[in-house]
Amino acid sequence: MNVPVRRGGGDFAVYRTPLVSVTMASTFVLKLVSFLCIPFMTIYLSRTVDAPPYVIGAIVGLSQIGSLGAGFVSGVLADRVGKRRVLLVGLFGSSAVFLLFFLTATFLRATVAFPVLFALLNTGYGMMSAFFWPVTQVMMADSLPAERRPTVFRHRYVLTNCAVAIGPPVGAFLGIASARAAFVVSGSCYLAFSLAFWWLTRGTELGAATAPSERRSLGGALRVLGADRTFRGLTLSMVLFALAYCQIESNLSAVVSRGFADGVRFFSVLLTVNAVAVIALQPPATAIAKRLSPRRTIQLGNGLFAAVCLAFCFVEFSKAGLVALVVLVSMAEVLVVPTVSVVVDELAPPGLRGTYFGASTLRNLGLGVGPAAGGLVLAWADRSLLFAAMGLCALAAWAVIHLTLKENPGADPGPSPEPV
């Protein structure tokens, strides 16, 4: 759906399209309220459930596992039955999941069923997120002419990281992080935007399906993706990168909370440092990306990630060191994530945009397995081995890109939405 956008008005002319304005507002608000509670789930469960770290890590990682198959299915469905239906299922479903989190934590916290129900709801949250966020990527692109898309994606990337910067410290210092109130706030905000999107998209082309002659079955879409060697390699590389990166938002919280008296608050500060660094480092990262091919940009990011994590095995564990680690990892993130999303957009055939963006959520396999794998490492060894494992995963991601991704010097990677 290409909505006419008047020329002129600078970068902010894109907001003359109501759908763009509401989508950008939802990006900021929904990410902000999600980060009131999602990053603190490891701490919340460790205080509530008597279980070893790898079990808690497995429960936390189930949201990413839930998003794996759901992301691919949502992309195919968006191409076949229309984006609006898939979008609203994801939004209303996410609202219901957060409200059920609250009810479970209120009435069933002391029961043996609590960890099982919490795990099921966390899986449901991942599935609903996979129905919502990938569709917004396609929807934003379809709502604007090609020359306007880079601007709106840059703004969206900045808003996402602003939300991540604000959410954790607000939750921690107001005392609602890792508490039931965060679930109510998140569920209510998701419900509000569910109603806003329902009203705004009624009667629009977002509800229209792809023409029958262009539709592909689930098996047909799988065959197209399976035959794309570059996409397979790119996805495997991102799985490995995510496996390492997710330790920052999961098991690092346990390491920091045990290592410092004010560990919970300091961990929220580290999340804020990560988000602020991602925003501040975009100009130099963009300059680097314009001078390098996508392949070399991704390899540079993976190489930086690996070097930082391996070096951290041999330095003193301190607050200053952790801040430096997070800043350098943020630079790697800015180099890798936007470039990968640009390559996915280049690889996707016109009639399979939803399918490709949905399938790109397979990278969340690393986010799903990572917390449990990192928790297992911490259960059997010290934190130095955790950082070593992170570095080795980044090296493996570098090697996969080296073997599968062809040079394309003309591509200009720009900011894009984060993994679900």
Protein backbone atom coordinates (compact mmCIF):
# COMPACT_ATOMS: atom_id res chain seq x y z
CA MET A 1 0.00 0.00 0.00
CA ASN A 2 1.69 3.20 -1.18
CA VAL A 3 0.17 6.23 0.53
CA PRO A 4 0.97 9.49 -1.27
CA VAL A 5 3.36 11.69 0.68
CA ARG A 6 3.77 15.30 -0.35
CA ARG A 7 7.27 16.29 -1.34
CA GLY A 8 9.09 18.86 0.75
CA GLY A 9 8.96 19.44 4.47
CA GLY A 10 12.24 17.71 5.22
CA ASP A 11 12.64 14.41 7.02
CA PHE A 12 9.53 14.94 9.13
CA ALA A 13 7.25 15.04 6.08
CA VAL A 14 6.77 11.29 6.53
CA TYR A 15 4.63 11.98 9.59
CA ARG A 16 1.93 13.52 7.43
CA THR A 17 0.89 9.89 6.85
CA PRO A 18 -1.26 8.97 9.91
CA LEU A 19 -0.29 5.30 9.74
CA VAL A 20 3.39 6.23 9.95
CA SER A 21 2.78 8.52 12.94
CA VAL A 22 0.83 5.89 14.88
CA THR A 23 3.33 3.14 14.02
CA MET A 24 6.23 5.29 15.23
CA ALA A 25 4.37 6.16 18.43
CA SER A 26 3.62 2.48 19.04
CA THR A 27 7.28 1.62 18.46
CA PHE A 28 8.38 3.98 21.22
CA VAL A 29 5.62 3.33 23.75
CA LEU A 30 5.35 -0.45 23.38
CA LYS A 31 9.09 -0.99 23.51
CA LEU A 32 9.32 1.29 26.54
CA VAL A 33 6.65 -0.54 28.53
CA SER A 34 8.00 -3.95 27.47
CA PHE A 35 11.40 -2.98 28.86
CA LEU A 36 9.83 -2.21 32.21
CA CYS A 37 9.66 -5.96 32.79
CA ILE A 38 11.17 -8.16 30.03
CA PRO A 39 14.89 -7.52 30.85
CA PHE A 40 14.23 -8.15 34.55
CA MET A 41 12.51 -11.51 34.15
CA THR A 42 15.69 -13.42 35.03
CA ILE A 43 15.93 -11.53 38.33
CA TYR A 44 12.18 -11.86 38.98
CA LEU A 45 12.19 -15.62 38.45
CA SER A 46 15.38 -16.14 40.47
CA ARG A 47 13.60 -14.53 43.43
CA THR A 48 10.34 -16.39 42.87
CA VAL A 49 11.23 -19.87 41.60
CA ASP A 50 13.61 -22.27 43.35
CA ALA A 51 15.46 -23.49 40.26
CA PRO A 52 19.03 -23.51 38.91
CA PRO A 53 20.18 -20.70 36.56
CA TYR A 54 19.90 -22.77 33.38
CA VAL A 55 16.24 -23.63 34.10
CA ILE A 56 15.42 -19.97 34.68
CA GLY A 57 17.37 -19.14 31.53
CA ALA A 58 15.29 -21.68 29.60
CA ILE A 59 12.04 -20.09 30.82
CA VAL A 60 13.24 -16.61 29.85
CA GLY A 61 14.40 -17.83 26.44
CA LEU A 62 11.05 -19.39 25.59
CA SER A 63 9.74 -16.04 24.33
CA GLN A 64 12.34 -16.18 21.56
CA ILE A 65 11.63 -19.84 20.86
CA GLY A 66 7.96 -18.96 20.50
CA SER A 67 8.79 -16.28 17.96
CA LEU A 68 10.74 -18.64 15.69
CA GLY A 69 7.99 -20.56 13.91
CA ALA A 70 5.45 -17.80 14.52
CA GLY A 71 7.61 -15.23 12.74
CA PHE A 72 7.82 -17.29 9.57
CA VAL A 73 4.12 -18.20 9.66
CA SER A 74 3.09 -14.57 10.29
CA GLY A 75 5.12 -13.42 7.29
CA VAL A 76 3.51 -15.97 4.98
CA LEU A 77 0.05 -15.15 6.36
CA ALA A 78 0.64 -11.42 5.88
CA ASP A 79 1.35 -12.06 2.20
CA ARG A 80 -1.67 -14.37 1.84
CA VAL A 81 -4.50 -12.98 3.98
CA GLY A 82 -3.47 -9.36 4.55
CA LYS A 83 -1.27 -7.47 6.99
CA ARG A 84 -4.10 -5.98 9.04
CA ARG A 85 -5.38 -9.31 10.34
CA VAL A 86 -1.91 -10.49 11.33
CA LEU A 87 -1.08 -7.12 12.92
CA LEU A 88 -4.22 -7.08 15.09
CA VAL A 89 -3.78 -10.70 16.21
CA GLY A 90 -0.29 -9.83 17.42
CA LEU A 91 -1.36 -6.66 19.23
CA PHE A 92 -4.49 -7.97 20.96
CA GLY A 93 -2.67 -11.22 21.75
CA SER A 94 0.27 -9.39 23.36
CA SER A 95 -2.14 -7.38 25.52
CA ALA A 96 -3.84 -10.57 26.70
CA VAL A 97 -0.50 -12.24 27.51
CA PHE A 98 0.68 -9.36 29.73
CA LEU A 99 -2.60 -9.26 31.62
CA LEU A 100 -2.39 -13.04 32.13
CA PHE A 101 1.16 -12.55 33.44
CA PHE A 102 -0.30 -10.24 36.09
CA LEU A 103 -3.08 -12.67 37.07
CA THR A 104 -0.64 -15.59 37.28
CA ALA A 105 1.84 -13.61 39.41
CA THR A 106 -1.00 -12.42 41.69
CA PHE A 107 -2.95 -15.60 42.33
CA LEU A 108 -0.64 -18.53 41.47
CA ARG A 109 2.80 -17.35 42.56
CA ALA A 110 3.09 -19.80 45.44
CA THR A 111 1.88 -22.84 43.49
CA VAL A 112 3.86 -25.52 41.65
CA ALA A 113 2.03 -24.52 38.46
CA PHE A 114 3.53 -21.01 38.48
CA PRO A 115 6.79 -21.73 36.57
CA VAL A 116 4.93 -23.84 33.99
CA LEU A 117 2.29 -21.18 33.38
CA PHE A 118 4.94 -18.45 33.31
CA ALA A 119 6.87 -20.44 30.69
CA LEU A 120 3.74 -20.91 28.56
CA LEU A 121 2.88 -17.21 28.74
CA ASN A 122 6.44 -16.22 27.86
CA THR A 123 6.22 -18.49 24.82
CA GLY A 124 2.91 -16.83 23.92
CA TYR A 125 4.48 -13.39 24.20
CA GLY A 126 7.17 -14.40 21.72
CA MET A 127 4.56 -15.73 19.30
CA MET A 128 2.43 -12.59 19.47
CA SER A 129 5.50 -10.35 19.05
CA ALA A 130 6.41 -12.29 15.92
CA PHE A 131 2.95 -11.53 14.52
CA PHE A 132 3.26 -7.80 15.21
CA TRP A 133 6.81 -6.48 14.78
CA PRO A 134 7.78 -8.06 11.42
CA VAL A 135 4.53 -6.85 9.86
CA THR A 136 5.27 -3.28 10.95
CA GLN A 137 8.53 -3.42 8.98
CA VAL A 138 6.70 -4.32 5.79
CA MET A 139 3.85 -1.92 6.57
CA MET A 140 6.18 1.05 7.00
CA ALA A 141 7.90 0.31 3.70
CA ASP A 142 4.61 -0.16 1.85
CA SER A 143 3.16 3.09 3.21
CA LEU A 144 5.88 5.33 1.77
CA PRO A 145 7.66 5.91 -1.53
CA ALA A 146 11.14 4.42 -1.76
CA GLU A 147 12.97 7.72 -1.20
CA ARG A 148 11.22 8.26 2.15
CA ARG A 149 11.86 4.82 3.64
CA PRO A 150 15.45 5.33 4.85
CA THR A 151 14.34 8.36 6.88
CA VAL A 152 11.48 6.62 8.62
CA PHE A 153 13.60 3.58 9.45
CA ARG A 154 16.36 5.77 10.89
CA HIS A 155 13.79 7.50 13.08
CA ARG A 156 12.27 4.18 14.11
CA TYR A 157 15.66 2.80 15.11
CA VAL A 158 16.39 5.87 17.22
CA LEU A 159 12.96 5.74 18.88
CA THR A 160 13.43 2.06 19.71
CA ASN A 161 16.70 2.73 21.46
CA CYS A 162 15.31 5.79 23.24
CA ALA A 163 12.60 3.53 24.63
CA VAL A 164 15.17 0.94 25.70
CA ALA A 165 17.19 3.72 27.35
CA ILE A 166 14.22 5.04 29.34
CA GLY A 167 12.28 1.88 30.23
CA PRO A 168 14.67 -0.08 32.49
CA PRO A 169 15.81 2.81 34.73
CA VAL A 170 12.26 4.13 35.06
CA GLY A 171 11.05 0.68 36.07
CA ALA A 172 13.95 0.09 38.45
CA PHE A 173 13.86 3.46 40.21
CA LEU A 174 10.06 3.58 40.47
CA GLY A 175 10.11 0.11 41.96
CA ILE A 176 7.91 -1.59 39.35
CA ALA A 177 10.61 -3.46 37.44
CA SER A 178 10.35 -7.20 38.11
CA ALA A 179 7.02 -6.52 39.84
CA ARG A 180 3.42 -7.20 38.85
CA ALA A 181 2.62 -3.56 38.08
CA ALA A 182 4.87 -3.68 35.02
CA PHE A 183 2.65 -6.39 33.50
CA VAL A 184 -0.47 -4.24 33.94
CA VAL A 185 1.17 -1.17 32.41
CA SER A 186 2.45 -3.16 29.42
CA GLY A 187 -0.83 -4.96 28.80
CA SER A 188 -2.85 -1.74 28.97
CA CYS A 189 -0.57 0.04 26.48
CA TYR A 190 -0.73 -2.88 24.05
CA LEU A 191 -4.54 -2.82 24.32
CA ALA A 192 -4.66 0.93 23.62
CA PHE A 193 -2.57 0.58 20.45
CA SER A 194 -4.56 -2.48 19.41
CA LEU A 195 -7.67 -0.32 19.34
CA ALA A 196 -5.82 2.55 17.62
CA PHE A 197 -4.57 0.31 14.80
CA TRP A 198 -7.97 -1.36 14.47
CA TRP A 199 -9.62 2.04 13.98
CA LEU A 200 -6.91 3.48 11.72
CA THR A 201 -6.60 0.51 9.36
CA ARG A 202 -10.29 -0.30 8.88
CA GLY A 203 -11.19 -0.22 5.20
CA THR A 204 -7.56 0.15 4.04
CA GLU A 205 -5.54 -1.99 1.65
CA LEU A 206 -3.66 -3.45 4.62
CA GLY A 207 -6.45 -6.00 4.84
CA ALA A 208 -5.96 -7.07 1.22
CA ALA A 209 -4.18 -10.31 0.41
CA THR A 210 -1.59 -10.87 -2.29
CA ALA A 211 -3.07 -11.58 -5.73
CA PRO A 212 -3.84 -15.33 -6.10
CA SER A 213 -1.35 -15.65 -8.97
CA GLU A 214 1.46 -14.41 -6.67
CA ARG A 215 0.59 -16.39 -3.54
CA ARG A 216 2.77 -19.20 -2.32
CA SER A 217 1.89 -21.99 0.04
CA LEU A 218 3.80 -22.47 3.28
CA GLY A 219 5.78 -25.26 1.61
CA GLY A 220 6.42 -23.14 -1.47
CA ALA A 221 7.72 -20.26 0.63
CA LEU A 222 9.98 -22.69 2.49
CA ARG A 223 11.40 -23.96 -0.80
CA VAL A 224 12.16 -20.41 -1.96
CA LEU A 225 13.94 -19.58 1.29
CA GLY A 226 15.76 -22.93 1.36
CA ALA A 227 17.15 -22.36 -2.13
CA ASP A 228 18.55 -18.94 -1.16
CA ARG A 229 22.07 -19.79 0.03
CA THR A 230 22.88 -16.20 0.95
CA PHE A 231 19.76 -15.90 3.12
CA ARG A 232 20.58 -19.19 4.87
CA GLY A 233 24.10 -18.05 5.66
CA LEU A 234 22.93 -14.63 6.80
CA THR A 235 20.39 -16.22 9.13
CA LEU A 236 22.91 -18.66 10.61
CA SER A 237 25.34 -15.81 11.22
CA MET A 238 22.65 -13.81 13.02
CA VAL A 239 21.70 -16.83 15.15
CA LEU A 240 25.31 -17.02 16.35
CA PHE A 241 25.52 -13.26 16.88
CA ALA A 242 22.23 -13.28 18.83
CA LEU A 243 23.42 -16.24 20.92
CA ALA A 244 26.31 -14.10 22.12
CA TYR A 245 24.51 -10.76 22.28
CA CYS A 246 21.55 -11.98 24.36
CA GLN A 247 23.87 -12.63 27.30
CA ILE A 248 24.02 -8.85 27.80
CA GLU A 249 20.27 -8.73 28.45
CA SER A 250 19.88 -12.05 30.27
CA ASN A 251 22.70 -13.75 32.16
CA LEU A 252 24.72 -10.58 32.62
CA SER A 253 21.92 -9.44 34.93
CA ALA A 254 22.60 -12.42 37.21
CA VAL A 255 26.36 -11.80 37.11
CA VAL A 256 25.94 -8.10 37.93
CA SER A 257 23.29 -8.60 40.62
CA ARG A 258 25.58 -11.06 42.45
CA GLY A 259 28.74 -9.03 41.90
CA PHE A 260 27.58 -5.67 43.29
CA ALA A 261 25.45 -4.57 46.23
CA ASP A 262 23.32 -2.36 43.95
CA GLY A 263 23.44 -4.89 41.13
CA VAL A 264 19.81 -4.58 39.97
CA ARG A 265 20.00 -0.82 39.57
CA PHE A 266 23.44 -0.99 37.99
CA PHE A 267 22.17 -3.53 35.47
CA SER A 268 19.39 -1.11 34.50
CA VAL A 269 22.09 1.54 34.03
CA LEU A 270 24.01 -0.83 31.73
CA LEU A 271 20.89 -1.32 29.59
CA THR A 272 20.54 2.44 29.36
CA VAL A 273 24.22 2.80 28.42
CA ASN A 274 23.66 0.23 25.67
CA ALA A 275 20.69 2.12 24.24
CA VAL A 276 22.34 5.55 24.47
CA ALA A 277 25.53 4.22 22.90
CA VAL A 278 23.57 2.72 20.00
CA ILE A 279 22.08 6.16 19.30
CA ALA A 280 25.33 8.10 19.77
CA LEU A 281 27.43 5.69 17.70
CA GLN A 282 25.17 5.72 14.66
CA PRO A 283 26.96 8.56 12.81
CA PRO A 284 30.43 6.94 12.93
CA ALA A 285 28.95 3.51 12.22
CA THR A 286 27.06 4.85 9.21
CA ALA A 287 30.21 6.52 7.91
CA ILE A 288 32.09 3.22 8.24
CA ALA A 289 29.28 1.27 6.56
CA LYS A 290 29.25 3.65 3.58
CA ARG A 291 32.94 3.01 2.99
CA LEU A 292 32.70 -0.78 3.32
CA SER A 293 30.62 -3.44 1.61
CA PRO A 294 27.80 -5.07 3.63
CA ARG A 295 29.93 -8.22 3.99
CA ARG A 296 32.88 -6.34 5.47
CA THR A 297 30.65 -4.20 7.69
CA ILE A 298 29.05 -7.27 9.25
CA GLN A 299 32.45 -8.94 9.64
CA LEU A 300 33.88 -5.83 11.30
CA GLY A 301 31.02 -5.83 13.82
CA ASN A 302 31.42 -9.53 14.59
CA GLY A 303 35.19 -9.15 14.87
CA LEU A 304 34.84 -6.24 17.30
CA PHE A 305 32.33 -8.21 19.39
CA ALA A 306 34.64 -11.23 19.55
CA ALA A 307 37.73 -9.19 20.46
CA VAL A 308 35.96 -7.30 23.24
CA CYS A 309 34.47 -10.41 24.86
CA LEU A 310 37.70 -12.41 24.69
CA ALA A 311 39.68 -9.48 26.11
CA PHE A 312 37.20 -9.11 28.97
CA CYS A 313 38.16 -12.58 30.19
CA PHE A 314 41.50 -11.15 31.29
CA VAL A 315 40.56 -7.77 32.77
CA GLU A 316 39.34 -6.90 36.26
CA PHE A 317 35.59 -7.29 36.82
CA SER A 318 34.48 -3.75 37.65
CA LYS A 319 31.73 -1.29 36.89
CA ALA A 320 33.99 0.76 34.62
CA GLY A 321 34.99 -2.37 32.72
CA LEU A 322 31.36 -3.43 32.25
CA VAL A 323 30.43 0.02 30.94
CA ALA A 324 33.31 -0.15 28.43
CA LEU A 325 32.22 -3.66 27.41
CA VAL A 326 28.65 -2.54 26.78
CA VAL A 327 29.73 0.53 24.77
CA LEU A 328 31.98 -1.53 22.48
CA VAL A 329 29.34 -4.24 22.08
CA SER A 330 26.89 -1.48 21.14
CA MET A 331 29.24 -0.41 18.35
CA ALA A 332 29.25 -3.98 17.07
CA GLU A 333 25.45 -4.04 17.22
CA VAL A 334 25.14 -0.84 15.18
CA LEU A 335 27.44 -2.26 12.52
CA VAL A 336 25.79 -5.68 12.28
CA VAL A 337 22.02 -5.36 12.83
CA PRO A 338 21.15 -2.56 10.37
CA THR A 339 23.33 -4.09 7.67
CA VAL A 340 21.72 -7.51 8.01
CA SER A 341 18.23 -6.03 7.68
CA VAL A 342 19.23 -4.10 4.55
CA VAL A 343 20.56 -7.32 2.99
CA VAL A 344 17.29 -9.12 3.84
CA ASP A 345 15.35 -6.32 2.11
CA GLU A 346 17.59 -6.64 -0.98
CA LEU A 347 17.19 -10.42 -1.12
CA ALA A 348 13.37 -10.45 -0.74
CA PRO A 349 11.39 -10.80 -4.01
CA PRO A 350 8.54 -8.22 -4.27
CA GLY A 351 5.76 -10.75 -3.61
CA LEU A 352 7.53 -12.35 -0.66
CA ARG A 353 8.51 -9.38 1.49
CA GLY A 354 6.42 -10.51 4.42
CA THR A 355 7.77 -14.04 4.10
CA TYR A 356 11.42 -12.94 4.09
CA PHE A 357 11.04 -10.49 6.98
CA GLY A 358 9.06 -13.06 8.92
CA ALA A 359 11.64 -15.77 8.24
CA SER A 360 14.40 -13.42 9.35
CA THR A 361 13.05 -13.85 12.89
CA LEU A 362 14.67 -17.29 12.80
CA ARG A 363 17.67 -15.40 14.14
CA ASN A 364 15.76 -15.46 17.44
CA LEU A 365 16.84 -19.07 17.83
CA GLY A 366 20.04 -17.61 19.25
CA LEU A 367 18.05 -15.38 21.60
CA GLY A 368 15.96 -18.35 22.71
CA VAL A 369 18.79 -20.80 23.32
CA GLY A 370 21.21 -18.18 24.63
CA PRO A 371 19.84 -17.58 28.16
CA ALA A 372 19.71 -21.31 28.94
CA ALA A 373 23.15 -21.95 27.39
CA GLY A 374 24.68 -19.04 29.28
CA GLY A 375 22.97 -20.12 32.49
CA LEU A 376 24.45 -23.60 32.05
CA VAL A 377 27.92 -22.09 31.61
CA LEU A 378 27.48 -20.05 34.80
CA ALA A 379 26.26 -23.14 36.69
CA TRP A 380 29.45 -25.06 35.85
CA ALA A 381 32.09 -22.35 35.51
CA ASP A 382 32.82 -18.73 36.34
CA ARG A 383 31.87 -15.60 34.41
CA SER A 384 35.15 -15.56 32.44
CA LEU A 385 34.09 -18.65 30.53
CA LEU A 386 30.77 -16.97 29.70
CA PHE A 387 32.59 -14.06 28.04
CA ALA A 388 34.89 -16.51 26.23
CA ALA A 389 31.87 -18.38 24.85
CA MET A 390 30.36 -15.09 23.66
CA GLY A 391 33.57 -14.24 21.83
CA LEU A 392 33.76 -17.64 20.13
CA CYS A 393 30.15 -17.32 18.91
CA ALA A 394 30.98 -13.96 17.35
CA LEU A 395 34.01 -15.49 15.64
CA ALA A 396 31.84 -18.26 14.23
CA ALA A 397 29.37 -15.63 12.93
CA TRP A 398 32.30 -13.87 11.22
CA ALA A 399 33.34 -17.11 9.53
CA VAL A 400 29.83 -17.85 8.22
CA ILE A 401 29.57 -14.40 6.62
CA HIS A 402 33.02 -14.86 5.08
CA LEU A 403 31.91 -18.12 3.45
CA THR A 404 28.39 -17.26 2.28
CA LEU A 405 27.83 -13.53 1.70
CA LYS A 406 29.00 -12.04 -1.58
CA GLU A 407 30.46 -8.57 -1.88
CA ASN A 408 27.99 -5.80 -2.72
CA PRO A 409 29.84 -2.49 -2.40
CA GLY A 410 26.88 -0.46 -3.62
CA ALA A 411 24.62 -1.20 -0.68
CA ASP A 412 24.15 1.52 1.89
CA PRO A 413 23.13 -0.04 5.20
CA GLY A 414 20.78 2.07 7.27
CA PRO A 415 19.07 1.62 10.62
CA SER A 416 16.29 -0.91 10.85
CA PRO A 417 14.03 -2.54 13.43
CA GLU A 418 15.58 -4.74 16.18
CA PRO A 419 15.07 -8.64 16.67
CA VAL A 420 11.82 -9.64 18.44
